[in-house]
């Protein structure tokens, strides 16, 4: 392997000189060039952004994946640029256990059929959770990681370079100051021109050398100042980009909140449907109360809407935007497509979680959580 000994020695010398300057500054034995107040403010803002981004990222990871071992596994796969195998959610696993148990107890038995119903909805909840985790990772966690592992590393590199340029500048300032002090001291020394001509010649030669040393120090100072100013400008431009980072993270935060809203709306809808299914099974099993006809039972049951109720006078009609696709489960409901506009209203005695929706000649119940009501 080829080593450039001169360069290695030069780099070691520069490192040592910077270390001495840094130590003397800390001990108050050397002057330090202060950065521009605007640049200092940008540095503080950048540090604040980095620290809080790390905290928000870590806590979001804990929220989405409470299992530390699973988080470590995901981290390792991410560093190895490998795709993490699809992991079954806890709700999906519970649903599968229920379905397996139902096959043991007998699918036709009351307990077995109930296990099947609840198990299917648990698997739906698990599927919604997996989709929420994937969406959150792509729209929120990944941009935060990209900032910390990409933009912030670049900023940190340029900041270190700026600090080195600042140390070099202060070293040049100190060197020039010492050279001028030596020149002034030599100029104030006794003149031996008359008594000792030879000493005078030596003194003039030393004075010329000191003057040359001052000129060299001034030249190095100008170069160091130019490099420092250039690096300060580069660092400033990078730090001012933190504002666009905030805007990007703001959009990511909105996407994360939207993913949460979608997930919780799906969970609410699935659980509401599960409650209805279980309620139907309880009613079908008989009760000690007076018997009623199916039509009367339907009309008195919360959330149930028959055609007679749909013909009641319409009040409070308004437009609504559909947020997510919805498939009707029976003829009393109306299927929906995301982003379409429909007319909605309510009727007396109707479950507050539902509205009557109209699209042209079609009419039926629609879940409120799937809608954005417009003024």
Protein backbone atom coordinates (compact mmCIF):
# COMPACT_ATOMS: atom_id res chain seq x y z
CA UNK A 1 0.00 0.00 0.00
CA UNK A 2 1.34 3.44 -0.95
CA UNK A 3 1.58 6.01 1.83
CA UNK A 4 2.25 9.68 1.23
CA UNK A 5 4.52 10.31 4.21
CA UNK A 6 4.68 14.07 3.68
CA UNK A 7 0.92 14.42 3.51
CA UNK A 8 0.48 12.19 6.55
CA UNK A 9 2.96 14.27 8.53
CA UNK A 10 1.31 17.50 7.34
CA UNK A 11 -2.19 16.30 8.35
CA UNK A 12 -0.86 15.24 11.75
CA UNK A 13 0.71 18.67 12.22
CA UNK A 14 -2.53 20.44 11.29
CA UNK A 15 -4.53 18.23 13.65
CA UNK A 16 -2.11 18.91 16.50
CA UNK A 17 -2.15 22.68 15.87
CA UNK A 18 -5.96 22.73 15.85
CA UNK A 19 -6.05 20.67 19.05
CA UNK A 20 -3.73 23.17 20.76
CA UNK A 21 -5.85 26.12 19.59
CA UNK A 22 -9.07 24.43 20.74
CA UNK A 23 -7.58 23.62 24.16
CA UNK A 24 -6.27 27.15 24.67
CA UNK A 25 -9.70 28.56 23.76
CA UNK A 26 -11.35 26.32 26.34
CA UNK A 27 -8.83 27.45 28.96
CA UNK A 28 -9.34 31.11 28.03
CA UNK A 29 -5.76 31.50 26.80
CA UNK A 30 -6.63 32.20 23.15
CA UNK A 31 -9.14 34.33 21.32
CA UNK A 32 -12.01 32.73 19.42
CA UNK A 33 -13.75 34.09 16.34
CA UNK A 34 -17.50 34.27 17.00
CA UNK A 35 -19.91 33.20 14.30
CA UNK A 36 -22.50 35.50 12.80
CA UNK A 37 -25.60 35.75 15.11
CA UNK A 38 -27.87 34.60 12.27
CA UNK A 39 -25.67 31.56 11.67
CA UNK A 40 -25.61 30.78 15.41
CA UNK A 41 -29.41 30.94 15.47
CA UNK A 42 -29.61 28.57 12.49
CA UNK A 43 -27.26 26.13 14.24
CA UNK A 44 -29.39 26.13 17.39
CA UNK A 45 -32.55 25.60 15.32
CA UNK A 46 -30.92 22.73 13.45
CA UNK A 47 -29.83 21.03 16.67
CA UNK A 48 -33.36 21.40 18.05
CA UNK A 49 -34.83 19.89 14.87
CA UNK A 50 -32.44 16.96 14.98
CA UNK A 51 -33.04 16.20 18.67
CA UNK A 52 -36.83 16.31 18.47
CA UNK A 53 -36.91 14.39 15.19
CA UNK A 54 -34.97 11.59 16.89
CA UNK A 55 -37.36 11.55 19.86
CA UNK A 56 -40.50 11.61 17.70
CA UNK A 57 -39.11 8.87 15.46
CA UNK A 58 -38.17 6.59 18.36
CA UNK A 59 -41.49 7.05 20.15
CA UNK A 60 -43.49 6.50 16.96
CA UNK A 61 -41.57 3.25 16.43
CA UNK A 62 -42.51 2.21 19.98
CA UNK A 63 -46.15 3.13 19.30
CA UNK A 64 -46.32 1.14 16.08
CA UNK A 65 -44.23 -1.79 17.33
CA UNK A 66 -44.18 -2.12 21.16
CA UNK A 67 -42.07 -5.31 20.98
CA UNK A 68 -38.37 -4.32 21.35
CA UNK A 69 -37.16 -7.56 19.75
CA UNK A 70 -39.31 -6.96 16.69
CA UNK A 71 -37.98 -3.40 16.41
CA UNK A 72 -34.39 -4.65 16.54
CA UNK A 73 -35.20 -7.20 13.83
CA UNK A 74 -36.71 -4.50 11.63
CA UNK A 75 -33.63 -2.30 12.21
CA UNK A 76 -31.26 -5.11 11.19
CA UNK A 77 -33.22 -5.91 8.03
CA UNK A 78 -33.30 -2.20 7.16
CA UNK A 79 -29.50 -1.85 7.57
CA UNK A 80 -28.92 -4.95 5.45
CA UNK A 81 -31.28 -3.58 2.77
CA UNK A 82 -33.37 -6.74 2.99
CA UNK A 83 -37.14 -7.05 2.90
CA UNK A 84 -38.61 -8.00 6.27
CA UNK A 85 -40.88 -11.07 6.01
CA UNK A 86 -44.55 -10.19 6.47
CA UNK A 87 -45.37 -10.50 10.16
CA UNK A 88 -48.78 -11.72 11.32
CA UNK A 89 -50.42 -9.19 13.63
CA UNK A 90 -51.65 -10.21 17.06
CA UNK A 91 -55.27 -9.69 16.03
CA UNK A 92 -54.82 -11.90 12.97
CA UNK A 93 -53.18 -14.59 15.11
CA UNK A 94 -56.03 -14.42 17.63
CA UNK A 95 -58.58 -14.66 14.81
CA UNK A 96 -56.85 -17.73 13.40
CA UNK A 97 -56.81 -19.39 16.84
CA UNK A 98 -60.56 -18.77 17.10
CA UNK A 99 -61.18 -20.29 13.67
CA UNK A 100 -59.06 -23.33 14.54
CA UNK A 101 -60.91 -23.72 17.84
CA UNK A 102 -64.25 -23.52 16.01
CA UNK A 103 -63.26 -26.43 13.79
CA UNK A 104 -62.53 -28.47 16.94
CA UNK A 105 -65.74 -27.59 18.77
CA UNK A 106 -67.89 -27.88 15.65
CA UNK A 107 -68.67 -24.99 13.30
CA UNK A 108 -72.41 -25.67 13.54
CA UNK A 109 -72.49 -25.44 17.35
CA UNK A 110 -73.51 -22.10 18.90
CA UNK A 111 -70.05 -21.63 20.42
CA UNK A 112 -68.26 -22.71 17.25
CA UNK A 113 -70.27 -20.42 14.97
CA UNK A 114 -69.70 -17.49 17.33
CA UNK A 115 -65.97 -18.23 17.35
CA UNK A 116 -66.00 -18.14 13.55
CA UNK A 117 -67.79 -14.79 13.48
CA UNK A 118 -65.54 -13.14 16.05
CA UNK A 119 -62.42 -14.75 14.54
CA UNK A 120 -63.18 -13.40 11.07
CA UNK A 121 -63.59 -9.88 12.42
CA UNK A 122 -60.37 -10.19 14.43
CA UNK A 123 -58.55 -11.08 11.23
CA UNK A 124 -60.10 -8.04 9.54
CA UNK A 125 -58.88 -5.86 12.41
CA UNK A 126 -55.43 -7.38 12.05
CA UNK A 127 -55.40 -6.69 8.33
CA UNK A 128 -56.37 -3.07 8.96
CA UNK A 129 -53.58 -2.81 11.54
CA UNK A 130 -50.98 -4.20 9.12
CA UNK A 131 -52.06 -1.75 6.45
CA UNK A 132 -51.83 1.10 8.98
CA UNK A 133 -48.32 0.04 9.99
CA UNK A 134 -47.14 -0.14 6.38
CA UNK A 135 -48.67 3.22 5.51
CA UNK A 136 -47.20 4.91 8.59
CA UNK A 137 -43.75 3.48 7.91
CA UNK A 138 -43.77 4.70 4.31
CA UNK A 139 -45.31 8.15 4.82
CA UNK A 140 -43.94 9.12 8.25
CA UNK A 141 -41.08 7.02 9.61
CA UNK A 142 -39.10 6.79 6.36
CA UNK A 143 -38.96 10.59 5.74
CA UNK A 144 -37.80 11.18 9.33
CA UNK A 145 -35.09 8.54 8.98
CA UNK A 146 -34.03 9.96 5.61
CA UNK A 147 -33.52 13.37 7.21
CA UNK A 148 -31.41 11.99 10.08
CA UNK A 149 -29.36 9.65 7.90
CA UNK A 150 -29.07 11.92 4.85
CA UNK A 151 -29.56 15.67 5.26
CA UNK A 152 -28.39 15.78 8.86
CA UNK A 153 -25.19 13.88 8.10
CA UNK A 154 -24.40 16.36 5.34
CA UNK A 155 -25.07 19.28 7.68
CA UNK A 156 -22.91 17.72 10.41
CA UNK A 157 -20.05 17.19 7.96
CA UNK A 158 -20.15 20.81 6.81
CA UNK A 159 -20.39 22.04 10.41
CA UNK A 160 -17.25 20.11 11.33
CA UNK A 161 -15.51 21.59 8.30
CA UNK A 162 -16.64 25.07 9.36
CA UNK A 163 -15.24 24.51 12.85
CA UNK A 164 -11.91 23.45 11.35
CA UNK A 165 -11.86 26.53 9.13
CA UNK A 166 -12.60 28.66 12.17
CA UNK A 167 -9.73 27.08 14.12
CA UNK A 168 -7.38 27.62 11.16
CA UNK A 169 -8.44 31.27 11.00
CA UNK A 170 -7.78 31.83 14.68
CA UNK A 171 -4.41 30.06 14.41
CA UNK A 172 -3.46 32.45 11.60
CA UNK A 173 -4.63 35.42 13.67
CA UNK A 174 -2.52 34.28 16.62
CA UNK A 175 0.49 33.67 14.36
CA UNK A 176 0.21 37.16 12.82
CA UNK A 177 -0.13 38.72 16.25
CA UNK A 178 3.04 36.99 17.46
CA UNK A 179 4.94 37.98 14.30
CA UNK A 180 4.00 41.64 14.70
CA UNK A 181 4.95 41.59 18.38
CA UNK A 182 8.37 40.13 17.47
CA UNK A 183 8.85 42.77 14.76
CA UNK A 184 7.90 45.58 17.13
CA UNK A 185 10.27 44.23 19.78
CA UNK A 186 13.15 44.07 17.30
CA UNK A 187 12.46 47.62 16.13
CA UNK A 188 12.65 48.89 19.71
CA UNK A 189 16.07 47.23 20.39
CA UNK A 190 19.30 49.49 20.71
CA UNK A 191 20.94 50.43 17.42
CA UNK A 192 24.56 49.22 17.19
CA UNK A 193 25.20 50.89 13.86
CA UNK A 194 28.04 53.19 15.04
CA UNK A 195 29.83 50.94 17.52
CA UNK A 196 29.39 47.52 15.99
CA UNK A 197 28.73 47.58 12.24
CA UNK A 198 28.61 43.80 12.06
CA UNK A 199 25.86 43.61 14.68
CA UNK A 200 23.95 46.20 12.71
CA UNK A 201 24.10 44.03 9.60
CA UNK A 202 22.84 41.08 11.61
CA UNK A 203 20.09 43.23 13.13
CA UNK A 204 18.96 44.48 9.70
CA UNK A 205 18.89 40.93 8.39
CA UNK A 206 16.80 39.77 11.36
CA UNK A 207 14.45 42.70 10.86
CA UNK A 208 13.98 41.76 7.22
CA UNK A 209 13.23 38.19 8.21
CA UNK A 210 10.68 39.34 10.79
CA UNK A 211 9.05 41.63 8.22
CA UNK A 212 8.91 38.74 5.78
CA UNK A 213 7.35 36.58 8.50
CA UNK A 214 4.65 39.23 9.06
CA UNK A 215 3.89 39.40 5.33
CA UNK A 216 3.62 35.61 5.19
CA UNK A 217 1.32 35.52 8.22
CA UNK A 218 -0.91 38.23 6.69
CA UNK A 219 -1.11 36.26 3.42
CA UNK A 220 -2.06 33.05 5.28
CA UNK A 221 -4.64 35.00 7.27
CA UNK A 222 -6.28 36.31 4.10
CA UNK A 223 -6.49 32.79 2.68
CA UNK A 224 -7.88 31.40 5.96
CA UNK A 225 -10.46 34.20 6.14
CA UNK A 226 -11.58 33.52 2.57
CA UNK A 227 -11.95 29.78 3.22
CA UNK A 228 -13.80 30.43 6.47
CA UNK A 229 -16.25 32.85 4.80
CA UNK A 230 -16.87 30.42 1.95
CA UNK A 231 -17.53 27.52 4.33
CA UNK A 232 -19.78 29.69 6.53
CA UNK A 233 -21.89 30.51 3.46
CA UNK A 234 -22.17 26.82 2.47
CA UNK A 235 -23.18 25.88 6.01
CA UNK A 236 -25.68 28.73 6.18
CA UNK A 237 -27.42 27.63 2.98
CA UNK A 238 -27.71 24.07 4.28
CA UNK A 239 -29.08 25.21 7.62
CA UNK A 240 -31.65 27.46 5.98
CA UNK A 241 -32.93 24.32 4.26
CA UNK A 242 -34.23 23.18 7.67
CA UNK A 243 -37.32 25.29 6.96
CA UNK A 244 -38.21 23.11 3.97
CA UNK A 245 -37.52 20.07 6.15
CA UNK A 246 -40.13 21.34 8.61
CA UNK A 247 -42.65 21.74 5.78
CA UNK A 248 -41.95 18.21 4.56
CA UNK A 249 -42.31 16.76 8.06
CA UNK A 250 -45.53 18.73 8.49
CA UNK A 251 -47.00 17.02 5.41
CA UNK A 252 -45.76 13.66 6.68
CA UNK A 253 -47.44 14.34 10.01
CA UNK A 254 -50.73 15.05 8.24
CA UNK A 255 -50.38 11.77 6.31
CA UNK A 256 -49.72 9.93 9.58
CA UNK A 257 -52.82 11.45 11.20
CA UNK A 258 -54.86 10.53 8.11
CA UNK A 259 -53.60 6.94 8.31
CA UNK A 260 -54.56 6.81 11.98
CA UNK A 261 -58.02 8.21 11.24
CA UNK A 262 -58.55 5.60 8.51
CA UNK A 263 -57.37 2.78 10.76
CA UNK A 264 -59.55 3.78 13.71
CA UNK A 265 -62.55 4.32 11.44
CA UNK A 266 -62.11 0.82 10.02
CA UNK A 267 -61.77 -0.64 13.53
CA UNK A 268 -64.89 1.21 14.66
CA UNK A 269 -66.81 -0.02 11.65
CA UNK A 270 -65.69 -3.64 12.07
CA UNK A 271 -66.54 -3.67 15.75
CA UNK A 272 -69.92 -2.10 15.09
CA UNK A 273 -70.65 -4.79 12.50
CA UNK A 274 -69.46 -7.49 14.92
CA UNK A 275 -71.79 -6.20 17.60
CA UNK A 276 -74.68 -6.31 15.13
CA UNK A 277 -73.81 -9.87 14.13
CA UNK A 278 -73.61 -11.02 17.74
CA UNK A 279 -76.85 -9.19 18.55
CA UNK A 280 -78.59 -11.02 15.70
CA UNK A 281 -77.38 -14.35 17.09
CA UNK A 282 -78.66 -13.46 20.56
CA UNK A 283 -82.07 -12.48 19.16
CA UNK A 284 -82.23 -15.65 17.07
CA UNK A 285 -81.51 -17.73 20.18
CA UNK A 286 -84.81 -16.61 21.76
CA UNK A 287 -85.59 -14.50 24.80
CA UNK A 288 -87.97 -14.59 27.80
CA UNK A 289 -89.76 -11.45 26.62
CA UNK A 290 -92.88 -11.28 24.45
CA UNK A 291 -92.53 -12.45 20.90
CA UNK A 292 -92.59 -9.89 18.16
CA UNK A 293 -92.86 -10.13 14.43
CA UNK A 294 -89.70 -9.64 12.36
CA UNK A 295 -90.93 -6.33 11.03
CA UNK A 296 -91.54 -4.92 14.52
CA UNK A 297 -88.20 -6.25 15.76
CA UNK A 298 -86.43 -4.60 12.87
CA UNK A 299 -88.10 -1.25 13.39
CA UNK A 300 -87.27 -1.14 17.12
CA UNK A 301 -83.66 -2.28 16.80
CA UNK A 302 -81.02 0.50 17.02
CA UNK A 303 -79.22 1.12 13.76
CA UNK A 304 -81.82 -0.76 11.69
CA UNK A 305 -83.59 1.18 8.98
CA UNK A 306 -86.47 -0.21 6.97
CA UNK A 307 -87.97 1.26 3.83
CA UNK A 308 -90.93 2.73 5.71
CA UNK A 309 -88.55 4.84 7.82
CA UNK A 310 -86.71 5.96 4.68
CA UNK A 311 -89.93 7.51 3.43
CA UNK A 312 -90.20 9.83 6.45
CA UNK A 313 -89.92 13.57 5.76
CA UNK A 314 -86.33 14.56 5.03
CA UNK A 315 -84.79 17.26 7.22
CA UNK A 316 -81.25 18.58 7.39
CA UNK A 317 -80.22 17.34 3.95
CA UNK A 318 -76.56 18.04 3.17
CA UNK A 319 -73.73 16.92 0.94
CA UNK A 320 -71.00 14.55 2.09
CA UNK A 321 -67.71 13.39 0.61
CA UNK A 322 -66.94 9.67 0.84
CA UNK A 323 -63.55 9.04 2.49
CA UNK A 324 -63.17 5.27 1.90
CA UNK A 325 -64.76 2.53 -0.17
CA UNK A 326 -67.61 0.71 1.56
CA UNK A 327 -69.42 -2.46 0.48
CA UNK A 328 -73.07 -2.75 1.51
CA UNK A 329 -73.80 -5.81 3.67
CA UNK A 330 -77.52 -6.00 2.90
CA UNK A 331 -80.17 -4.29 0.80
CA UNK A 332 -80.79 -1.60 3.43
CA UNK A 333 -77.25 -0.22 2.98
CA UNK A 334 -75.66 1.79 0.18
CA UNK A 335 -72.24 0.90 -1.25
CA UNK A 336 -69.77 3.79 -1.47
CA UNK A 337 -66.74 4.75 -3.53
CA UNK A 338 -63.97 6.94 -2.15
CA UNK A 339 -64.07 10.65 -3.15
CA UNK A 340 -67.62 10.59 -4.52
CA UNK A 341 -70.24 13.10 -3.32
CA UNK A 342 -73.61 11.94 -2.00
CA UNK A 343 -76.59 13.49 -0.25
CA UNK A 344 -77.14 12.44 3.35
CA UNK A 345 -79.74 13.02 6.05
CA UNK A 346 -81.07 11.36 9.19
CA UNK A 347 -84.51 10.15 10.27
CA UNK A 348 -86.07 9.91 13.76
CA UNK A 349 -85.00 6.88 15.80
CA UNK A 350 -81.95 6.16 13.65
CA UNK A 351 -78.61 5.07 15.13
CA UNK A 352 -76.35 8.18 15.29
CA UNK A 353 -73.49 6.18 13.73
CA UNK A 354 -75.47 5.91 10.49
CA UNK A 355 -77.07 8.26 7.97
CA UNK A 356 -79.35 7.78 5.00
CA UNK A 357 -77.38 8.30 1.80
CA UNK A 358 -78.72 9.06 -1.69
CA UNK A 359 -76.95 8.79 -5.04
CA UNK A 360 -79.33 9.45 -7.88
CA UNK A 361 -82.13 6.90 -7.54
CA UNK A 362 -80.15 4.75 -5.08
CA UNK A 363 -80.79 5.07 -1.37
CA UNK A 364 -79.54 3.27 1.73
CA UNK A 365 -77.78 3.47 5.09
CA UNK A 366 -74.15 4.62 5.18
CA UNK A 367 -71.71 4.70 8.15
CA UNK A 368 -70.87 8.19 9.40
CA UNK A 369 -67.19 7.33 9.88
CA UNK A 370 -66.81 6.87 6.12
CA UNK A 371 -68.00 10.41 5.37
CA UNK A 372 -66.77 13.97 5.51
CA UNK A 373 -69.85 16.17 5.96
CA UNK A 374 -69.73 19.33 3.85
CA UNK A 375 -71.31 22.63 4.75
